N, C-alpha and C. Protein backbone atom coordinates (compact mmCIF):
# COMPACT_ATOMS: atom_id res chain seq x y z
N MET A 1 86.98 52.53 113.70
CA MET A 1 88.20 53.10 113.22
C MET A 1 88.57 54.31 114.10
N ILE A 2 89.82 54.44 114.44
CA ILE A 2 90.29 55.59 115.22
C ILE A 2 90.34 56.80 114.29
N LYS A 3 89.68 57.85 114.69
CA LYS A 3 89.58 59.07 113.88
C LYS A 3 90.41 60.19 114.52
N PRO A 4 90.90 61.13 113.70
CA PRO A 4 91.61 62.28 114.27
C PRO A 4 90.64 63.19 115.01
N ILE A 5 91.13 63.88 116.02
CA ILE A 5 90.32 64.79 116.83
C ILE A 5 90.25 66.15 116.15
N VAL A 6 89.03 66.63 115.94
CA VAL A 6 88.80 67.94 115.32
C VAL A 6 89.08 69.04 116.34
N THR A 7 89.85 70.05 115.93
CA THR A 7 90.14 71.19 116.79
C THR A 7 89.65 72.50 116.17
N ASP A 8 89.00 72.45 115.02
CA ASP A 8 88.49 73.62 114.31
C ASP A 8 87.26 74.16 115.04
N VAL A 9 87.39 75.34 115.71
CA VAL A 9 86.29 75.87 116.51
C VAL A 9 85.09 76.28 115.65
N PHE A 10 85.30 76.61 114.38
CA PHE A 10 84.16 76.92 113.51
C PHE A 10 83.30 75.68 113.32
N PHE A 11 83.94 74.55 113.03
CA PHE A 11 83.19 73.29 112.86
C PHE A 11 82.54 72.88 114.17
N LEU A 12 83.30 72.92 115.26
CA LEU A 12 82.78 72.51 116.57
C LEU A 12 81.66 73.42 117.05
N GLY A 13 81.61 74.65 116.56
CA GLY A 13 80.59 75.61 116.97
C GLY A 13 79.26 75.46 116.25
N GLN A 14 79.15 74.48 115.35
CA GLN A 14 77.90 74.27 114.62
C GLN A 14 77.03 73.22 115.31
N LYS A 15 75.71 73.40 115.23
CA LYS A 15 74.79 72.42 115.80
C LYS A 15 74.84 71.12 115.00
N SER A 16 74.70 70.02 115.71
CA SER A 16 74.67 68.70 115.07
C SER A 16 73.26 68.36 114.60
N GLU A 17 73.20 67.51 113.59
CA GLU A 17 71.92 67.07 113.02
C GLU A 17 71.51 65.74 113.64
N GLN A 18 70.22 65.42 113.58
CA GLN A 18 69.71 64.15 114.08
C GLN A 18 70.46 62.99 113.42
N ALA A 19 70.77 61.97 114.20
CA ALA A 19 71.40 60.76 113.68
C ALA A 19 70.31 59.83 113.15
N ALA A 20 70.68 58.99 112.19
CA ALA A 20 69.78 57.98 111.63
C ALA A 20 70.46 56.62 111.76
N LYS A 21 69.71 55.57 111.48
CA LYS A 21 70.28 54.22 111.62
C LYS A 21 71.54 54.03 110.80
N GLN A 22 71.63 54.68 109.64
CA GLN A 22 72.84 54.54 108.82
C GLN A 22 74.07 55.18 109.47
N ASP A 23 73.86 55.91 110.57
CA ASP A 23 74.98 56.51 111.31
C ASP A 23 75.52 55.59 112.41
N LEU A 24 74.99 54.39 112.52
CA LEU A 24 75.45 53.45 113.56
C LEU A 24 76.96 53.24 113.55
N PRO A 25 77.63 53.16 112.37
CA PRO A 25 79.09 52.98 112.39
C PRO A 25 79.84 54.11 113.11
N VAL A 26 79.25 55.29 113.18
CA VAL A 26 79.89 56.40 113.90
C VAL A 26 80.04 56.04 115.39
N GLY A 27 79.08 55.29 115.92
CA GLY A 27 79.18 54.84 117.31
C GLY A 27 80.42 54.00 117.54
N GLN A 28 80.73 53.11 116.59
CA GLN A 28 81.94 52.29 116.71
C GLN A 28 83.20 53.14 116.56
N ASP A 29 83.16 54.12 115.65
CA ASP A 29 84.31 55.03 115.51
C ASP A 29 84.55 55.80 116.80
N LEU A 30 83.46 56.22 117.47
CA LEU A 30 83.61 56.89 118.76
C LEU A 30 84.20 55.94 119.80
N GLN A 31 83.75 54.69 119.80
CA GLN A 31 84.32 53.69 120.73
C GLN A 31 85.82 53.56 120.52
N ASP A 32 86.21 53.38 119.26
CA ASP A 32 87.63 53.18 118.94
C ASP A 32 88.47 54.41 119.28
N THR A 33 87.94 55.59 118.96
CA THR A 33 88.69 56.83 119.19
C THR A 33 88.78 57.14 120.68
N LEU A 34 87.70 56.91 121.43
CA LEU A 34 87.76 57.10 122.88
C LEU A 34 88.76 56.14 123.51
N GLN A 35 88.74 54.91 123.08
CA GLN A 35 89.68 53.91 123.61
C GLN A 35 91.13 54.35 123.36
N ALA A 36 91.39 54.89 122.17
CA ALA A 36 92.74 55.33 121.82
C ALA A 36 93.18 56.55 122.65
N ASN A 37 92.21 57.30 123.17
CA ASN A 37 92.50 58.51 123.95
C ASN A 37 92.10 58.39 125.41
N ARG A 38 91.93 57.15 125.90
CA ARG A 38 91.36 56.92 127.23
C ARG A 38 92.16 57.53 128.38
N GLU A 39 93.44 57.77 128.19
CA GLU A 39 94.23 58.35 129.27
C GLU A 39 93.95 59.83 129.48
N ARG A 40 93.31 60.47 128.49
CA ARG A 40 93.07 61.91 128.60
C ARG A 40 91.65 62.31 128.19
N CYS A 41 90.74 61.34 128.12
CA CYS A 41 89.39 61.64 127.66
C CYS A 41 88.38 60.66 128.26
N VAL A 42 87.20 61.17 128.68
CA VAL A 42 86.17 60.32 129.29
C VAL A 42 84.85 60.36 128.52
N GLY A 43 84.82 61.13 127.47
CA GLY A 43 83.61 61.21 126.65
C GLY A 43 83.91 61.94 125.37
N MET A 44 83.07 61.73 124.36
CA MET A 44 83.25 62.39 123.08
C MET A 44 81.90 62.60 122.41
N ALA A 45 81.85 63.60 121.56
CA ALA A 45 80.69 63.82 120.69
C ALA A 45 81.16 63.58 119.25
N ALA A 46 80.24 63.20 118.39
CA ALA A 46 80.59 62.86 117.02
C ALA A 46 81.28 64.01 116.29
N ASN A 47 80.94 65.26 116.62
CA ASN A 47 81.60 66.36 115.91
C ASN A 47 83.09 66.43 116.23
N MET A 48 83.50 65.84 117.35
CA MET A 48 84.92 65.82 117.69
C MET A 48 85.72 64.91 116.76
N ILE A 49 85.03 64.04 116.02
CA ILE A 49 85.70 63.19 115.03
C ILE A 49 85.23 63.55 113.61
N GLY A 50 84.66 64.74 113.47
CA GLY A 50 84.32 65.25 112.15
C GLY A 50 82.95 64.88 111.62
N VAL A 51 82.07 64.37 112.48
CA VAL A 51 80.72 63.97 112.05
C VAL A 51 79.71 64.83 112.78
N LYS A 52 78.96 65.64 112.05
CA LYS A 52 78.02 66.58 112.65
C LYS A 52 76.66 65.91 112.88
N LYS A 53 76.66 64.86 113.71
CA LYS A 53 75.45 64.11 114.04
C LYS A 53 75.30 64.07 115.56
N ARG A 54 74.07 63.89 116.04
CA ARG A 54 73.77 63.87 117.47
C ARG A 54 74.08 62.48 118.04
N ILE A 55 75.37 62.25 118.26
CA ILE A 55 75.85 60.98 118.81
C ILE A 55 76.95 61.31 119.81
N ILE A 56 76.86 60.70 121.01
CA ILE A 56 77.91 60.89 122.02
C ILE A 56 78.29 59.54 122.60
N ILE A 57 79.46 59.52 123.22
CA ILE A 57 79.90 58.35 123.98
C ILE A 57 80.39 58.84 125.34
N VAL A 58 80.07 58.07 126.37
CA VAL A 58 80.43 58.43 127.74
C VAL A 58 81.05 57.22 128.42
N ASN A 59 82.22 57.43 129.03
CA ASN A 59 82.84 56.36 129.79
C ASN A 59 82.15 56.29 131.14
N MET A 60 81.65 55.10 131.47
CA MET A 60 80.92 54.90 132.72
C MET A 60 81.65 53.91 133.62
N GLY A 61 82.97 53.99 133.61
CA GLY A 61 83.76 53.10 134.45
C GLY A 61 84.11 51.82 133.72
N LEU A 62 83.33 50.79 133.91
CA LEU A 62 83.63 49.49 133.28
C LEU A 62 83.19 49.41 131.81
N MET A 63 82.37 50.36 131.38
CA MET A 63 81.88 50.32 130.00
C MET A 63 81.71 51.72 129.44
N ASN A 64 81.63 51.78 128.13
CA ASN A 64 81.33 53.02 127.43
C ASN A 64 79.90 52.92 126.92
N LEU A 65 79.16 54.01 127.02
CA LEU A 65 77.78 54.05 126.55
C LEU A 65 77.69 55.02 125.38
N VAL A 66 77.20 54.52 124.24
CA VAL A 66 76.95 55.36 123.07
C VAL A 66 75.48 55.74 123.07
N MET A 67 75.21 57.03 122.92
CA MET A 67 73.84 57.54 122.88
C MET A 67 73.59 58.20 121.52
N PHE A 68 72.53 57.78 120.86
CA PHE A 68 72.12 58.38 119.60
C PHE A 68 70.95 59.33 119.87
N ASN A 69 71.03 60.53 119.36
CA ASN A 69 70.00 61.56 119.53
C ASN A 69 69.62 61.80 120.99
N PRO A 70 70.61 61.98 121.87
CA PRO A 70 70.28 62.22 123.28
C PRO A 70 69.63 63.58 123.49
N VAL A 71 68.69 63.61 124.42
CA VAL A 71 67.98 64.85 124.77
C VAL A 71 67.95 64.96 126.29
N LEU A 72 68.33 66.11 126.79
CA LEU A 72 68.27 66.38 128.23
C LEU A 72 66.82 66.69 128.59
N ILE A 73 66.23 65.85 129.44
CA ILE A 73 64.82 65.98 129.82
C ILE A 73 64.66 66.80 131.10
N ARG A 74 65.57 66.59 132.04
CA ARG A 74 65.45 67.22 133.35
C ARG A 74 66.83 67.46 133.93
N LYS A 75 66.96 68.54 134.73
CA LYS A 75 68.23 68.83 135.41
C LYS A 75 67.91 69.55 136.70
N ASP A 76 68.74 69.30 137.72
CA ASP A 76 68.58 70.03 138.99
C ASP A 76 69.91 70.10 139.72
N THR A 77 69.97 71.00 140.68
CA THR A 77 71.11 71.22 141.57
C THR A 77 72.36 71.69 140.81
N PRO A 78 72.34 72.96 140.37
CA PRO A 78 73.49 73.51 139.64
C PRO A 78 74.73 73.69 140.53
N TYR A 79 75.89 73.61 139.90
CA TYR A 79 77.16 73.88 140.58
C TYR A 79 78.16 74.39 139.56
N GLU A 80 79.17 75.09 140.04
CA GLU A 80 80.23 75.63 139.19
C GLU A 80 81.40 74.66 139.17
N THR A 81 82.01 74.49 137.99
CA THR A 81 83.17 73.62 137.86
C THR A 81 84.05 74.10 136.73
N GLU A 82 85.17 73.43 136.53
CA GLU A 82 86.07 73.70 135.41
C GLU A 82 86.23 72.42 134.63
N GLU A 83 86.27 72.55 133.30
CA GLU A 83 86.41 71.38 132.43
C GLU A 83 87.44 71.64 131.34
N GLY A 84 88.07 70.54 130.94
CA GLY A 84 88.93 70.56 129.78
C GLY A 84 88.24 69.81 128.66
N CYS A 85 88.84 69.87 127.48
CA CYS A 85 88.27 69.19 126.32
C CYS A 85 89.41 68.72 125.43
N LEU A 86 89.25 67.54 124.89
CA LEU A 86 90.26 66.96 124.01
C LEU A 86 90.46 67.83 122.76
N SER A 87 89.41 68.55 122.35
CA SER A 87 89.48 69.37 121.13
C SER A 87 90.11 70.74 121.35
N LEU A 88 90.23 71.17 122.62
CA LEU A 88 90.72 72.51 122.93
C LEU A 88 91.72 72.48 124.07
N PRO A 89 92.75 73.34 124.01
CA PRO A 89 93.70 73.38 125.12
C PRO A 89 93.11 74.09 126.33
N GLY A 90 93.61 73.77 127.51
CA GLY A 90 93.24 74.47 128.72
C GLY A 90 91.94 74.00 129.34
N VAL A 91 91.51 74.74 130.37
CA VAL A 91 90.25 74.45 131.06
C VAL A 91 89.42 75.72 131.11
N ARG A 92 88.10 75.55 131.18
CA ARG A 92 87.18 76.67 131.23
C ARG A 92 86.14 76.44 132.32
N LYS A 93 85.64 77.55 132.90
CA LYS A 93 84.61 77.46 133.92
C LYS A 93 83.26 77.25 133.25
N THR A 94 82.40 76.49 133.93
CA THR A 94 81.05 76.26 133.42
C THR A 94 80.12 75.89 134.57
N THR A 95 78.84 75.96 134.31
CA THR A 95 77.83 75.51 135.27
C THR A 95 77.30 74.15 134.81
N ARG A 96 77.24 73.23 135.74
CA ARG A 96 76.69 71.89 135.47
C ARG A 96 75.61 71.61 136.50
N TYR A 97 74.92 70.50 136.32
CA TYR A 97 73.85 70.08 137.22
C TYR A 97 74.17 68.70 137.76
N ARG A 98 73.99 68.51 139.06
CA ARG A 98 74.34 67.23 139.70
C ARG A 98 73.48 66.08 139.24
N ASN A 99 72.21 66.35 138.94
CA ASN A 99 71.27 65.30 138.56
C ASN A 99 70.62 65.65 137.23
N ILE A 100 70.62 64.70 136.31
CA ILE A 100 69.99 64.92 135.01
C ILE A 100 69.19 63.68 134.61
N GLU A 101 68.31 63.87 133.66
CA GLU A 101 67.59 62.76 133.05
C GLU A 101 67.71 62.94 131.55
N VAL A 102 68.07 61.85 130.86
CA VAL A 102 68.34 61.90 129.43
C VAL A 102 67.52 60.83 128.71
N GLU A 103 67.00 61.20 127.55
CA GLU A 103 66.33 60.24 126.68
C GLU A 103 67.23 60.07 125.45
N TYR A 104 67.43 58.83 125.02
CA TYR A 104 68.32 58.56 123.90
C TYR A 104 67.97 57.21 123.26
N LEU A 105 68.57 56.96 122.11
CA LEU A 105 68.44 55.67 121.43
C LEU A 105 69.76 54.92 121.57
N ASP A 106 69.67 53.60 121.75
CA ASP A 106 70.89 52.78 121.80
C ASP A 106 71.22 52.28 120.39
N SER A 107 72.23 51.44 120.28
CA SER A 107 72.68 50.96 118.95
C SER A 107 71.68 50.00 118.31
N SER A 108 70.68 49.54 119.06
CA SER A 108 69.60 48.74 118.49
C SER A 108 68.40 49.62 118.16
N TRP A 109 68.59 50.91 118.31
CA TRP A 109 67.57 51.94 118.05
C TRP A 109 66.39 51.81 119.01
N LYS A 110 66.70 51.31 120.20
CA LYS A 110 65.71 51.20 121.28
C LYS A 110 65.80 52.46 122.13
N LYS A 111 64.64 53.05 122.48
CA LYS A 111 64.61 54.29 123.27
C LYS A 111 64.81 53.97 124.74
N HIS A 112 65.61 54.81 125.40
CA HIS A 112 65.86 54.71 126.84
C HIS A 112 65.62 56.08 127.47
N ARG A 113 65.22 56.06 128.72
CA ARG A 113 65.12 57.28 129.53
C ARG A 113 65.79 56.94 130.85
N GLN A 114 66.89 57.65 131.14
CA GLN A 114 67.73 57.26 132.27
C GLN A 114 68.16 58.48 133.08
N LYS A 115 68.27 58.29 134.39
CA LYS A 115 68.76 59.33 135.28
C LYS A 115 70.24 59.11 135.54
N TYR A 116 70.98 60.20 135.62
CA TYR A 116 72.42 60.15 135.92
C TYR A 116 72.73 61.23 136.93
N SER A 117 73.81 61.01 137.71
CA SER A 117 74.21 62.01 138.69
C SER A 117 75.73 62.06 138.77
N GLY A 118 76.22 63.11 139.43
CA GLY A 118 77.65 63.24 139.68
C GLY A 118 78.49 63.35 138.43
N TRP A 119 79.63 62.65 138.47
CA TRP A 119 80.63 62.72 137.40
C TRP A 119 80.05 62.30 136.05
N THR A 120 79.27 61.22 136.02
CA THR A 120 78.67 60.76 134.76
C THR A 120 77.75 61.83 134.19
N ALA A 121 76.95 62.45 135.03
CA ALA A 121 76.06 63.52 134.58
C ALA A 121 76.86 64.69 133.99
N GLN A 122 77.98 65.00 134.63
CA GLN A 122 78.82 66.10 134.14
C GLN A 122 79.38 65.78 132.75
N ILE A 123 79.86 64.57 132.55
CA ILE A 123 80.40 64.18 131.25
C ILE A 123 79.31 64.28 130.18
N ILE A 124 78.14 63.74 130.49
CA ILE A 124 77.03 63.78 129.52
C ILE A 124 76.70 65.23 129.15
N GLN A 125 76.63 66.11 130.14
CA GLN A 125 76.31 67.51 129.86
C GLN A 125 77.36 68.15 128.96
N HIS A 126 78.62 67.84 129.18
CA HIS A 126 79.70 68.38 128.34
C HIS A 126 79.50 67.93 126.89
N GLU A 127 79.21 66.65 126.71
CA GLU A 127 79.04 66.13 125.34
C GLU A 127 77.76 66.67 124.69
N LEU A 128 76.70 66.85 125.49
CA LEU A 128 75.48 67.44 124.94
C LEU A 128 75.73 68.87 124.48
N ASP A 129 76.58 69.61 125.21
CA ASP A 129 76.95 70.95 124.77
C ASP A 129 77.61 70.91 123.39
N HIS A 130 78.47 69.94 123.17
CA HIS A 130 79.10 69.79 121.85
C HIS A 130 78.05 69.67 120.76
N LEU A 131 77.00 68.90 121.00
CA LEU A 131 75.97 68.70 119.98
C LEU A 131 75.24 69.99 119.64
N GLU A 132 75.20 70.92 120.60
CA GLU A 132 74.54 72.21 120.39
C GLU A 132 75.50 73.27 119.86
N GLY A 133 76.76 72.88 119.65
CA GLY A 133 77.75 73.84 119.16
C GLY A 133 78.33 74.71 120.25
N ARG A 134 78.07 74.36 121.51
CA ARG A 134 78.65 75.09 122.65
C ARG A 134 80.00 74.48 122.97
N ILE A 135 81.01 75.30 123.01
CA ILE A 135 82.36 74.82 123.25
C ILE A 135 82.77 75.17 124.67
N ILE A 136 83.05 74.16 125.48
CA ILE A 136 83.49 74.36 126.87
C ILE A 136 84.94 73.93 126.97
């Protein structure tokens, strides 16, 4: 289901809770909402649609990847950049890392550990910040 985008900075500033199997439908809501906003959005966190759970979605070109309970394991090669957010107007400066490693569960609740770099790594880091209540 396409959900409205949350713009309340108090809500967005709160840490998200661990997701459980009963939160799987949130992954589909993120898919639907990202698809509806694809012209201006490349990733989302569940709190952006009003769900304070550790779930993100990242557009990876030909497909979208939903991650449940993602954890940043490793990062290297910092750089400065500017980012916008669907929940907030404008752009803000931030530090990101070119290479990251993330551990997460997929929609079958299977654990993955994957390395990402470049643009995909940047999107993932932005969405992970959302889960921690950091607003960029």
